[in-house]
Amino acid sequence: MSDLKVSGKITSILDVEKGTSKAGKDWQKQNFVIDTGEKFNNIICFQVFGADKCEALTKYNKVGDVVNVSFNVSSREYNGKYYHNLDAWMIKLTDENVNWKLSEPQTFDENGVADLPF
């Protein structure tokens, strides 16, 4: 299977979920949701697994960011039913974030002078 990628705006970053495996190892995962802007099936929920990936998700991304997500699809069977995960392994900000930040309105002082950094 080739690399799967999708772009969209982060609409939600859910709380970290933690637990202990049958082998006694601690684990954590975190889900986040993007809106691709497509007409149909535009909402996609991904997960990251592991403490380092959960920390990176919230450190470098926020709701409203436009991102490219590279991910794997995994499925497993349990009691005759199949369950699927979309496991994000890379989340990159797109150039749209730069354009959005550059288009923020300028602030002006009481004399109508723009608050410029130079």
C-alpha atoms as a PDB file:
ATOM      1  CA  MET A   1       0.000   0.000   0.000  1.00  0.00           C
ATOM      2  CA  SER A   2       1.360   3.420  -0.866  1.00  0.00           C
ATOM      3  CA  ASP A   3       1.639   6.274   1.597  1.00  0.00           C
ATOM      4  CA  LEU A   4      -1.752   7.696   2.491  1.00  0.00           C
ATOM      5  CA  LYS A   5      -1.976  11.460   2.909  1.00  0.00           C
ATOM      6  CA  VAL A   6      -4.783  13.931   3.466  1.00  0.00           C
ATOM      7  CA  SER A   7      -4.944  17.669   4.124  1.00  0.00           C
ATOM      8  CA  GLY A   8      -7.372  19.601   6.255  1.00  0.00           C
ATOM      9  CA  LYS A   9      -7.949  21.978   9.131  1.00  0.00           C
ATOM     10  CA  ILE A  10      -7.693  20.647  12.683  1.00  0.00           C
ATOM     11  CA  THR A  11     -11.130  21.079  14.259  1.00  0.00           C
ATOM     12  CA  SER A  12     -10.532  19.222  17.514  1.00  0.00           C
ATOM     13  CA  ILE A  13      -7.735  17.728  19.588  1.00  0.00           C
ATOM     14  CA  LEU A  14      -9.177  15.295  22.098  1.00  0.00           C
ATOM     15  CA  ASP A  15      -7.845  14.444  25.555  1.00  0.00           C
ATOM     16  CA  VAL A  16      -5.021  11.946  25.968  1.00  0.00           C
ATOM     17  CA  GLU A  17      -6.196   8.416  26.757  1.00  0.00           C
ATOM     18  CA  LYS A  18      -3.955   6.275  28.988  1.00  0.00           C
ATOM     19  CA  GLY A  19      -3.940   2.661  30.026  1.00  0.00           C
ATOM     20  CA  THR A  20      -1.920  -0.428  30.788  1.00  0.00           C
ATOM     21  CA  SER A  21      -1.493  -3.310  28.352  1.00  0.00           C
ATOM     22  CA  LYS A  22      -1.987  -6.984  29.251  1.00  0.00           C
ATOM     23  CA  ALA A  23       1.801  -7.173  29.440  1.00  0.00           C
ATOM     24  CA  GLY A  24       1.805  -4.462  32.115  1.00  0.00           C
ATOM     25  CA  LYS A  25       3.227  -1.666  29.947  1.00  0.00           C
ATOM     26  CA  ASP A  26       1.761   1.824  30.147  1.00  0.00           C
ATOM     27  CA  TRP A  27       0.458   3.322  26.909  1.00  0.00           C
ATOM     28  CA  GLN A  28      -1.195   6.515  25.758  1.00  0.00           C
ATOM     29  CA  LYS A  29      -2.885   7.745  22.610  1.00  0.00           C
ATOM     30  CA  GLN A  30      -4.581  10.909  21.464  1.00  0.00           C
ATOM     31  CA  ASN A  31      -7.142  11.522  18.741  1.00  0.00           C
ATOM     32  CA  PHE A  32      -7.515  14.613  16.612  1.00  0.00           C
ATOM     33  CA  VAL A  33     -10.058  15.537  13.960  1.00  0.00           C
ATOM     34  CA  ILE A  34      -9.570  17.353  10.681  1.00  0.00           C
ATOM     35  CA  ASP A  35     -12.057  18.801   8.200  1.00  0.00           C
ATOM     36  CA  THR A  36     -10.883  18.277   4.629  1.00  0.00           C
ATOM     37  CA  GLY A  37     -13.376  20.760   3.199  1.00  0.00           C
ATOM     38  CA  GLU A  38     -14.795  18.134   0.846  1.00  0.00           C
ATOM     39  CA  LYS A  39     -18.544  18.018   0.201  1.00  0.00           C
ATOM     40  CA  PHE A  40     -18.973  14.466   1.538  1.00  0.00           C
ATOM     41  CA  ASN A  41     -17.020  12.496   4.162  1.00  0.00           C
ATOM     42  CA  ASN A  42     -15.065  15.592   5.126  1.00  0.00           C
ATOM     43  CA  ILE A  43     -14.502  14.824   8.826  1.00  0.00           C
ATOM     44  CA  ILE A  44     -11.669  12.385   9.639  1.00  0.00           C
ATOM     45  CA  CYS A  45     -10.470  11.292  13.081  1.00  0.00           C
ATOM     46  CA  PHE A  46      -6.830  10.215  13.386  1.00  0.00           C
ATOM     47  CA  GLN A  47      -4.866   8.914  16.344  1.00  0.00           C
ATOM     48  CA  VAL A  48      -1.281   9.182  17.476  1.00  0.00           C
ATOM     49  CA  PHE A  49       0.115   6.500  19.759  1.00  0.00           C
ATOM     50  CA  GLY A  50       2.878   6.921  22.323  1.00  0.00           C
ATOM     51  CA  ALA A  51       3.780   9.613  24.840  1.00  0.00           C
ATOM     52  CA  ASP A  52       6.248  11.334  22.503  1.00  0.00           C
ATOM     53  CA  LYS A  53       3.728  11.611  19.656  1.00  0.00           C
ATOM     54  CA  CYS A  54       0.974  12.869  21.981  1.00  0.00           C
ATOM     55  CA  GLU A  55       3.324  15.540  23.303  1.00  0.00           C
ATOM     56  CA  ALA A  56       4.393  16.557  19.785  1.00  0.00           C
ATOM     57  CA  LEU A  57       0.766  16.754  18.611  1.00  0.00           C
ATOM     58  CA  THR A  58      -0.190  19.323  21.233  1.00  0.00           C
ATOM     59  CA  LYS A  59       3.157  21.132  21.211  1.00  0.00           C
ATOM     60  CA  TYR A  60       3.295  21.846  17.483  1.00  0.00           C
ATOM     61  CA  ASN A  61      -0.382  21.851  16.445  1.00  0.00           C
ATOM     62  CA  LYS A  62      -3.528  23.645  17.523  1.00  0.00           C
ATOM     63  CA  VAL A  63      -7.168  23.811  16.523  1.00  0.00           C
ATOM     64  CA  GLY A  64      -7.425  25.854  13.334  1.00  0.00           C
ATOM     65  CA  ASP A  65      -4.069  24.761  11.876  1.00  0.00           C
ATOM     66  CA  VAL A  66      -4.136  23.474   8.304  1.00  0.00           C
ATOM     67  CA  VAL A  67      -2.065  20.302   8.144  1.00  0.00           C
ATOM     68  CA  ASN A  68      -0.963  17.482   5.884  1.00  0.00           C
ATOM     69  CA  VAL A  69      -1.365  14.137   7.639  1.00  0.00           C
ATOM     70  CA  SER A  70       0.513  11.002   6.556  1.00  0.00           C
ATOM     71  CA  PHE A  71      -1.066   7.897   8.027  1.00  0.00           C
ATOM     72  CA  ASN A  72      -1.501   4.137   7.994  1.00  0.00           C
ATOM     73  CA  VAL A  73      -4.784   2.259   8.092  1.00  0.00           C
ATOM     74  CA  SER A  74      -4.984  -0.767  10.348  1.00  0.00           C
ATOM     75  CA  SER A  75      -7.871  -3.157  10.958  1.00  0.00           C
ATOM     76  CA  ARG A  76      -8.450  -5.884  13.494  1.00  0.00           C
ATOM     77  CA  GLU A  77     -11.206  -8.374  14.131  1.00  0.00           C
ATOM     78  CA  TYR A  78     -12.850  -8.879  17.529  1.00  0.00           C
ATOM     79  CA  ASN A  79     -15.838 -11.175  18.040  1.00  0.00           C
ATOM     80  CA  GLY A  80     -16.745 -11.153  14.361  1.00  0.00           C
ATOM     81  CA  LYS A  81     -16.591  -7.359  13.988  1.00  0.00           C
ATOM     82  CA  TYR A  82     -13.841  -5.306  12.400  1.00  0.00           C
ATOM     83  CA  TYR A  83     -12.396  -2.148  13.887  1.00  0.00           C
ATOM     84  CA  HIS A  84     -10.236   0.368  12.029  1.00  0.00           C
ATOM     85  CA  ASN A  85      -7.626   2.913  13.060  1.00  0.00           C
ATOM     86  CA  LEU A  86      -6.121   5.780  11.130  1.00  0.00           C
ATOM     87  CA  ASP A  87      -2.668   6.025  12.684  1.00  0.00           C
ATOM     88  CA  ALA A  88      -0.982   9.362  11.929  1.00  0.00           C
ATOM     89  CA  TRP A  89       2.775   9.095  11.715  1.00  0.00           C
ATOM     90  CA  MET A  90       3.551  12.566  10.373  1.00  0.00           C
ATOM     91  CA  ILE A  91       1.673  15.854  10.752  1.00  0.00           C
ATOM     92  CA  LYS A  92       3.052  18.874   8.898  1.00  0.00           C
ATOM     93  CA  LEU A  93       1.765  22.420   8.859  1.00  0.00           C
ATOM     94  CA  THR A  94       0.943  23.617   5.347  1.00  0.00           C
ATOM     95  CA  ASP A  95       1.897  26.887   3.716  1.00  0.00           C
ATOM     96  CA  GLU A  96      -1.721  28.000   4.229  1.00  0.00           C
ATOM     97  CA  ASN A  97      -0.863  28.640   7.888  1.00  0.00           C
ATOM     98  CA  VAL A  98       1.846  31.118   6.879  1.00  0.00           C
ATOM     99  CA  ASN A  99      -0.552  32.956   4.576  1.00  0.00           C
ATOM    100  CA  TRP A 100      -3.207  33.010   7.276  1.00  0.00           C
ATOM    101  CA  LYS A 101      -0.767  34.436   9.831  1.00  0.00           C
ATOM    102  CA  LEU A 102       0.462  37.058   7.365  1.00  0.00           C
ATOM    103  CA  SER A 103      -3.083  38.203   6.683  1.00  0.00           C
ATOM    104  CA  GLU A 104      -3.887  38.943  10.329  1.00  0.00           C
ATOM    105  CA  PRO A 105      -5.036  42.541  10.768  1.00  0.00           C
ATOM    106  CA  GLN A 106      -2.474  45.112  11.827  1.00  0.00           C
ATOM    107  CA  THR A 107      -2.868  46.921  15.096  1.00  0.00           C
ATOM    108  CA  PHE A 108      -2.750  50.700  15.266  1.00  0.00           C
ATOM    109  CA  ASP A 109      -2.009  53.052  18.141  1.00  0.00           C
ATOM    110  CA  GLU A 110      -4.273  55.929  19.188  1.00  0.00           C
ATOM    111  CA  ASN A 111      -2.735  58.145  16.466  1.00  0.00           C
ATOM    112  CA  GLY A 112      -3.545  55.683  13.692  1.00  0.00           C
ATOM    113  CA  VAL A 113       0.073  54.589  13.265  1.00  0.00           C
ATOM    114  CA  ALA A 114       0.602  50.895  12.487  1.00  0.00           C
ATOM    115  CA  ASP A 115       2.319  48.897  15.201  1.00  0.00           C
ATOM    116  CA  LEU A 116       5.230  47.607  13.101  1.00  0.00           C
ATOM    117  CA  PRO A 117       8.225  45.684  14.459  1.00  0.00           C
ATOM    118  CA  PHE A 118      10.762  48.022  12.765  1.00  0.00           C
END
